[in-house]
Amino acid sequence: MHQWAPPSIKMDFDNVGLLLGDPLAPVSRILVCLDVTEAVVDEAMKKKCELIVSHHPLIFNQISSINPVDEQGRIIYKMIRNNIALLSAHTNLDAALDGVSFVLANNLGLDNLQFLDRSYSISRKISLTTNVEDSQSVLKLLNYYSAEEAHFFEVDGRKEGQKYFEAIIDQHNVGQLKAALNSEGLLKKGSFQELELSTPTNNFGMGVVGYYPEEGIAMDEFLHLVCRALDVPSVRFSGSTERIKKVAVCGGAGVYLKKAAIRAGADAFLTADIKYHDYFTEKKDFLLVDAGHYESEFPVVEAIRKELAEAFEHLAVEATENVTNPMEIYVTNFENKNI
């Protein structure tokens, strides 16, 4: 999970990683969910799961006590008593390649997917000066930690045999690379430097843009496709457009990316938790759709289940059978006889 969605790329307000449990405890069964509720914990107990993997973190704000007098306390108390651990991947999974928005875009049948917003300033330029003879061993380590534009050259005016290496690498990999270089005896004190770059990374971002083939699809067809793909009876929307070819999506509360979607030339933007005034848009031929927070993010549960099941074939990994969406929709049978 940390390779897919490194905790260090989370937003500052977030709380991710192993939130509950012993990191050395054995695991044989995993339950994957969007939200950790009492019903989900009871399901984990029934299925003898030692680990729950969730998208939304159960522990978000600082807590001062754990006792079964409120819902959060009951859930944590029950998990501790039954030796059930909790691993959460929230905004780090939102920002990851093939994360929440990529899964949503795939469910909508979009092609040629790429990040909508790539303004994550996590790229670092690193430089290393060393007298190692085997330059390929250094390049191999750089490549192992996903470094880009890695190269080296001889250092003029220095001791014979010294080489200067440069590369671009994501911030969360810098510490591991440095430790690996040190353990291999390739790192000398003062020879390793790290600089922050304004250049966006290709590995992390927010939201996704994708395309429908040829001339795209009609607006009504797109809205029907959204309802069918996310298994919802209705969606809220504003605006209109005759054909939809380029689509921007952001699972969960992503209306802050509306302007980015417009700048990207999207014909439609699908997200959730849109407030009233956000439905207004100055752009013509643009469709804004609210599919619901749970609905737009729940597809990632199956993606997590599949990822873990493929990575650990000896483990039993299941998606929760509980619908944890706290919102319900009432559809009336009212008939207007005047029409």
Protein backbone atom coordinates (compact mmCIF):
# COMPACT_ATOMS: atom_id res chain seq x y z
CA MET A 1 0.00 0.00 0.00
CA HIS A 2 2.85 2.38 0.81
CA GLN A 3 4.51 1.66 -2.54
CA TRP A 4 1.25 2.45 -4.33
CA ALA A 5 0.30 5.45 -2.16
CA PRO A 6 3.24 6.67 -0.04
CA PRO A 7 2.03 8.25 3.25
CA SER A 8 4.34 11.24 2.66
CA ILE A 9 2.21 12.47 -0.26
CA LYS A 10 -0.90 12.91 1.90
CA MET A 11 -2.34 16.36 2.49
CA ASP A 12 -1.17 18.08 5.68
CA PHE A 13 -4.52 17.74 7.48
CA ASP A 14 -4.79 14.01 6.85
CA ASN A 15 -3.98 10.94 8.96
CA VAL A 16 -2.91 7.81 7.08
CA GLY A 17 -0.88 4.64 7.49
CA LEU A 18 -1.16 2.02 10.22
CA LEU A 19 -3.54 3.79 12.60
CA LEU A 20 -4.20 0.83 14.88
CA GLY A 21 -2.41 -2.43 15.63
CA ASP A 22 0.99 -4.07 15.91
CA PRO A 23 3.02 -3.75 12.67
CA LEU A 24 4.67 -7.12 13.44
CA ALA A 25 1.42 -9.03 14.02
CA PRO A 26 0.68 -11.82 11.52
CA VAL A 27 -2.11 -11.36 8.97
CA SER A 28 -4.02 -14.07 7.13
CA ARG A 29 -7.31 -12.33 6.24
CA ILE A 30 -7.98 -8.72 5.19
CA LEU A 31 -11.23 -6.79 4.87
CA VAL A 32 -11.26 -3.73 2.59
CA CYS A 33 -13.76 -0.88 3.03
CA LEU A 34 -14.37 2.79 2.39
CA ASP A 35 -15.48 3.66 5.96
CA VAL A 36 -14.82 1.86 9.24
CA THR A 37 -18.17 1.41 10.99
CA GLU A 38 -19.24 -0.93 13.77
CA ALA A 39 -20.94 -3.13 11.18
CA VAL A 40 -17.67 -3.40 9.24
CA VAL A 41 -15.75 -4.32 12.41
CA ASP A 42 -18.39 -6.95 13.24
CA GLU A 43 -17.98 -8.31 9.70
CA ALA A 44 -14.21 -8.46 10.17
CA MET A 45 -14.68 -10.36 13.44
CA LYS A 46 -17.12 -12.80 11.81
CA LYS A 47 -14.72 -13.43 8.93
CA LYS A 48 -11.71 -13.67 11.30
CA CYS A 49 -9.86 -10.80 9.63
CA GLU A 50 -6.83 -9.47 11.49
CA LEU A 51 -6.58 -6.33 9.34
CA ILE A 52 -8.99 -3.77 7.92
CA VAL A 53 -7.78 -1.58 5.06
CA SER A 54 -9.89 1.54 4.64
CA HIS A 55 -9.87 4.63 2.45
CA HIS A 56 -11.31 7.00 5.04
CA PRO A 57 -9.29 7.10 8.30
CA LEU A 58 -11.18 6.18 11.47
CA ILE A 59 -8.83 8.35 13.57
CA PHE A 60 -8.75 11.76 11.91
CA ASN A 61 -8.44 14.34 14.67
CA GLN A 62 -6.45 13.99 17.88
CA ILE A 63 -8.28 11.91 20.51
CA SER A 64 -7.81 12.17 24.26
CA SER A 65 -9.48 8.93 25.37
CA ILE A 66 -10.59 5.54 24.07
CA ASN A 67 -13.64 4.03 25.74
CA PRO A 68 -16.95 2.58 24.49
CA VAL A 69 -19.14 5.59 25.32
CA ASP A 70 -19.30 7.01 21.78
CA GLU A 71 -19.23 5.50 18.28
CA GLN A 72 -15.55 6.09 17.57
CA GLY A 73 -14.57 4.86 21.02
CA ARG A 74 -16.70 1.72 20.66
CA ILE A 75 -15.14 0.91 17.28
CA ILE A 76 -11.53 1.41 18.46
CA TYR A 77 -12.22 -0.41 21.73
CA LYS A 78 -13.74 -3.37 19.88
CA MET A 79 -10.88 -3.54 17.38
CA ILE A 80 -8.23 -3.52 20.11
CA ARG A 81 -10.02 -6.21 22.13
CA ASN A 82 -10.27 -8.42 19.05
CA ASN A 83 -6.73 -7.77 17.75
CA ILE A 84 -7.90 -6.15 14.52
CA ALA A 85 -5.47 -3.66 12.98
CA LEU A 86 -6.35 -0.73 10.73
CA LEU A 87 -4.43 0.63 7.74
CA SER A 88 -5.84 3.71 5.99
CA ALA A 89 -4.88 5.28 2.67
CA HIS A 90 -6.80 8.52 2.14
CA THR A 91 -5.48 11.62 0.35
CA ASN A 92 -2.29 9.71 -0.47
CA LEU A 93 -4.44 7.26 -2.45
CA ASP A 94 -6.36 10.19 -3.98
CA ALA A 95 -3.05 11.54 -5.27
CA ALA A 96 -1.53 8.23 -6.40
CA LEU A 97 -1.18 6.94 -9.93
CA ASP A 98 -4.02 4.44 -10.50
CA GLY A 99 -5.64 5.75 -7.31
CA VAL A 100 -9.21 6.83 -6.56
CA SER A 101 -9.83 9.08 -9.57
CA PHE A 102 -8.14 6.69 -12.00
CA VAL A 103 -10.42 3.89 -10.81
CA LEU A 104 -13.45 6.16 -11.26
CA ALA A 105 -12.34 7.14 -14.77
CA ASN A 106 -11.82 3.50 -15.71
CA ASN A 107 -15.32 2.66 -14.49
CA LEU A 108 -16.68 5.35 -16.80
CA GLY A 109 -14.84 3.82 -19.76
CA LEU A 110 -12.45 6.74 -20.36
CA ASP A 111 -9.19 6.27 -22.27
CA ASN A 112 -5.76 7.97 -22.31
CA LEU A 113 -5.91 8.87 -18.62
CA GLN A 114 -3.64 11.49 -17.07
CA PHE A 115 -3.61 13.68 -13.95
CA LEU A 116 -5.80 16.77 -14.03
CA ASP A 117 -3.74 18.71 -11.47
CA ARG A 118 -0.02 17.94 -11.25
CA SER A 119 0.96 20.78 -8.95
CA TYR A 120 2.43 18.44 -6.33
CA SER A 121 5.83 19.92 -5.41
CA ILE A 122 7.39 16.63 -4.32
CA SER A 123 10.05 16.26 -6.99
CA ARG A 124 13.62 16.62 -5.75
CA LYS A 125 16.93 17.01 -7.56
CA ILE A 126 19.67 15.02 -5.90
CA SER A 127 23.40 15.11 -6.53
CA LEU A 128 26.04 12.66 -5.38
CA THR A 129 29.84 12.89 -5.60
CA THR A 130 31.68 9.60 -5.10
CA ASN A 131 34.86 7.82 -6.17
CA VAL A 132 33.13 4.49 -6.82
CA GLU A 133 34.59 2.68 -9.81
CA ASP A 134 31.40 0.87 -10.81
CA SER A 135 29.15 3.76 -11.91
CA GLN A 136 26.48 1.28 -13.04
CA SER A 137 25.92 0.18 -9.44
CA VAL A 138 24.95 3.76 -8.53
CA LEU A 139 22.71 4.12 -11.58
CA LYS A 140 21.08 0.79 -10.73
CA LEU A 141 20.17 2.06 -7.26
CA LEU A 142 18.85 5.32 -8.70
CA ASN A 143 16.70 3.37 -11.12
CA TYR A 144 15.45 1.06 -8.32
CA TYR A 145 14.14 4.09 -6.42
CA SER A 146 12.37 5.45 -9.53
CA ALA A 147 14.84 8.24 -10.26
CA GLU A 148 14.45 10.03 -13.60
CA GLU A 149 17.00 11.78 -15.83
CA ALA A 150 19.83 9.99 -13.97
CA HIS A 151 23.30 10.65 -15.38
CA PHE A 152 26.92 11.09 -14.28
CA PHE A 153 30.19 12.65 -15.41
CA GLU A 154 33.79 12.90 -14.25
CA VAL A 155 34.54 15.72 -11.79
CA ASP A 156 37.19 18.12 -13.10
CA GLY A 157 39.72 19.51 -10.64
CA ARG A 158 38.99 16.84 -8.03
CA LYS A 159 40.73 13.62 -7.05
CA GLU A 160 41.09 11.18 -9.90
CA GLY A 161 38.19 8.78 -10.32
CA GLN A 162 35.53 10.92 -8.65
CA LYS A 163 32.17 11.03 -10.43
CA TYR A 164 29.24 13.40 -10.06
CA PHE A 165 25.73 11.90 -10.32
CA GLU A 166 22.47 13.82 -10.78
CA ALA A 167 18.85 12.64 -10.89
CA ILE A 168 15.24 13.70 -10.32
CA ILE A 169 13.42 11.68 -7.66
CA ASP A 170 10.18 11.91 -5.67
CA GLN A 171 10.62 13.16 -2.10
CA HIS A 172 9.42 10.01 -0.34
CA ASN A 173 12.15 7.95 -2.04
CA VAL A 174 15.07 10.22 -1.08
CA GLY A 175 15.59 8.82 2.43
CA GLN A 176 15.49 5.21 1.24
CA LEU A 177 17.91 5.96 -1.60
CA LYS A 178 20.32 7.68 0.77
CA ALA A 179 20.20 4.74 3.18
CA ALA A 180 20.82 2.28 0.35
CA LEU A 181 23.77 4.30 -0.97
CA ASN A 182 25.23 4.45 2.53
CA SER A 183 24.86 0.72 3.15
CA GLU A 184 26.63 -0.01 -0.14
CA GLY A 185 29.49 2.31 0.80
CA LEU A 186 28.67 4.68 -2.04
CA LEU A 187 27.91 7.73 0.08
CA LYS A 188 30.55 10.03 1.52
CA LYS A 189 29.78 12.66 4.15
CA GLY A 190 28.85 15.94 2.53
CA SER A 191 28.64 14.44 -0.96
CA PHE A 192 24.84 14.09 -1.10
CA GLN A 193 22.66 17.15 -1.79
CA GLU A 194 18.92 17.54 -2.22
CA LEU A 195 17.08 20.46 -3.86
CA GLU A 196 13.32 21.09 -4.16
CA LEU A 197 12.06 21.51 -7.71
CA SER A 198 9.00 23.33 -8.97
CA THR A 199 8.76 20.83 -11.81
CA PRO A 200 5.62 18.70 -11.37
CA THR A 201 5.93 14.96 -10.92
CA ASN A 202 4.36 12.46 -13.31
CA ASN A 203 3.63 10.01 -10.50
CA PHE A 204 1.23 11.97 -8.28
CA GLY A 205 -1.51 14.55 -8.69
CA MET A 206 -5.20 15.19 -8.15
CA GLY A 207 -8.10 14.37 -10.42
CA VAL A 208 -7.95 12.70 -13.82
CA VAL A 209 -8.80 13.63 -17.40
CA GLY A 210 -9.67 11.07 -20.05
CA TYR A 211 -11.39 10.72 -23.39
CA TYR A 212 -14.22 8.93 -25.14
CA PRO A 213 -13.32 7.76 -28.65
CA GLU A 214 -14.12 9.56 -31.90
CA GLU A 215 -16.82 12.22 -31.48
CA GLY A 216 -17.63 11.32 -27.89
CA ILE A 217 -21.12 10.66 -26.53
CA ALA A 218 -24.32 12.66 -26.03
CA MET A 219 -24.98 14.34 -22.68
CA ASP A 220 -27.97 12.14 -21.81
CA GLU A 221 -25.93 9.04 -22.67
CA PHE A 222 -23.12 10.24 -20.40
CA LEU A 223 -25.47 10.86 -17.45
CA HIS A 224 -27.03 7.44 -17.95
CA LEU A 225 -23.57 5.86 -18.12
CA VAL A 226 -22.58 7.54 -14.83
CA CYS A 227 -25.71 6.20 -13.08
CA ARG A 228 -25.16 2.71 -14.44
CA ALA A 229 -21.40 2.62 -13.71
CA LEU A 230 -21.83 3.84 -10.11
CA ASP A 231 -25.14 2.05 -9.49
CA VAL A 232 -27.05 5.19 -8.53
CA PRO A 233 -30.64 6.12 -9.45
CA SER A 234 -29.86 9.79 -9.99
CA VAL A 235 -27.15 12.47 -10.06
CA ARG A 236 -27.20 16.24 -9.65
CA PHE A 237 -25.80 18.37 -12.44
CA SER A 238 -25.67 21.86 -13.92
CA GLY A 239 -24.87 23.17 -17.36
CA SER A 240 -25.23 21.33 -20.64
CA THR A 241 -23.31 20.37 -23.73
CA GLU A 242 -24.27 18.54 -26.87
CA ARG A 243 -21.35 16.10 -27.03
CA ILE A 244 -18.92 14.90 -24.38
CA LYS A 245 -15.49 13.72 -25.45
CA LYS A 246 -13.01 14.97 -22.83
CA VAL A 247 -14.01 14.29 -19.22
CA ALA A 248 -12.42 15.33 -15.92
CA VAL A 249 -13.17 13.37 -12.74
CA CYS A 250 -12.22 13.57 -9.07
CA GLY A 251 -13.49 10.98 -6.64
CA GLY A 252 -14.89 12.52 -3.45
CA ALA A 253 -14.98 16.25 -2.69
CA GLY A 254 -13.16 17.69 -5.70
CA VAL A 255 -15.13 20.74 -6.82
CA TYR A 256 -12.04 22.86 -6.07
CA LEU A 257 -10.70 21.40 -9.34
CA LYS A 258 -13.59 22.81 -11.41
CA LYS A 259 -11.49 25.65 -12.86
CA ALA A 260 -8.67 23.20 -13.61
CA ALA A 261 -11.15 21.03 -15.50
CA ILE A 262 -12.31 24.05 -17.52
CA ARG A 263 -8.72 25.09 -18.26
CA ALA A 264 -7.99 21.55 -19.42
CA GLY A 265 -10.79 21.84 -21.97
CA ALA A 266 -13.02 19.19 -20.40
CA ASP A 267 -16.58 18.96 -21.69
CA ALA A 268 -17.72 17.53 -18.36
CA PHE A 269 -16.44 17.33 -14.79
CA LEU A 270 -17.69 14.65 -12.40
CA THR A 271 -17.03 14.86 -8.67
CA ALA A 272 -19.01 15.06 -5.39
CA ASP A 273 -20.06 17.28 -2.48
CA ILE A 274 -20.76 20.27 -4.71
CA LYS A 275 -22.25 23.25 -2.86
CA TYR A 276 -25.08 25.33 -4.32
CA HIS A 277 -23.02 28.28 -5.57
CA ASP A 278 -20.41 25.98 -7.10
CA TYR A 279 -23.00 24.73 -9.59
CA PHE A 280 -22.86 28.11 -11.33
CA THR A 281 -20.29 28.26 -14.09
CA GLU A 282 -19.53 30.95 -16.65
CA LYS A 283 -18.44 28.49 -19.31
CA LYS A 284 -20.91 27.42 -21.96
CA ASP A 285 -20.97 23.84 -23.22
CA PHE A 286 -19.76 22.49 -19.90
CA LEU A 287 -21.42 19.88 -17.69
CA LEU A 288 -20.82 19.70 -13.91
CA VAL A 289 -21.97 16.49 -12.22
CA ASP A 290 -22.25 15.50 -8.55
CA ALA A 291 -22.37 11.72 -8.29
CA GLY A 292 -22.11 11.53 -4.49
CA HIS A 293 -19.07 11.13 -2.24
CA TYR A 294 -19.53 7.44 -1.40
CA GLU A 295 -20.61 6.57 -4.92
CA SER A 296 -17.63 8.22 -6.62
CA GLU A 297 -15.09 6.65 -4.25
CA PHE A 298 -16.50 3.19 -3.53
CA PRO A 299 -15.03 1.63 -6.74
CA VAL A 300 -11.56 2.01 -5.19
CA VAL A 301 -12.49 -0.63 -2.58
CA GLU A 302 -12.47 -3.35 -5.24
CA ALA A 303 -9.26 -1.89 -6.69
CA ILE A 304 -7.55 -2.15 -3.28
CA ARG A 305 -8.87 -5.69 -2.79
CA LYS A 306 -7.54 -6.74 -6.19
CA GLU A 307 -4.15 -5.08 -5.64
CA LEU A 308 -3.63 -6.80 -2.27
CA ALA A 309 -4.93 -10.16 -3.47
CA GLU A 310 -2.51 -10.14 -6.41
CA ALA A 311 0.42 -9.03 -4.25
CA PHE A 312 -0.24 -11.61 -1.50
CA GLU A 313 -1.71 -14.73 -3.07
CA HIS A 314 -1.56 -16.63 0.24
CA LEU A 315 -3.87 -14.14 1.98
CA ALA A 316 -7.67 -14.00 1.86
CA VAL A 317 -8.67 -10.46 0.86
CA GLU A 318 -12.35 -9.47 0.73
CA ALA A 319 -14.31 -6.29 0.08
CA THR A 320 -16.87 -5.43 2.72
CA GLU A 321 -20.46 -6.50 2.18
CA ASN A 322 -21.69 -3.51 4.19
CA VAL A 323 -22.92 -0.35 2.52
CA THR A 324 -21.40 2.38 4.70
CA ASN A 325 -22.94 5.31 2.84
CA PRO A 326 -24.69 7.43 5.52
CA MET A 327 -26.84 9.19 2.88
CA GLU A 328 -30.07 7.75 1.49
CA ILE A 329 -32.34 8.92 -1.32
CA TYR A 330 -36.12 8.97 -1.15
CA VAL A 331 -37.93 8.78 -4.50
CA THR A 332 -41.62 9.65 -4.26
CA ASN A 333 -44.40 8.06 -6.29
CA PHE A 334 -46.19 11.41 -6.43
CA GLU A 335 -48.11 11.95 -9.69
CA ASN A 336 -49.12 15.41 -10.85
CA LYS A 337 -52.61 14.94 -12.29
CA ASN A 338 -52.54 18.41 -13.89
CA ILE A 339 -49.90 17.28 -16.38
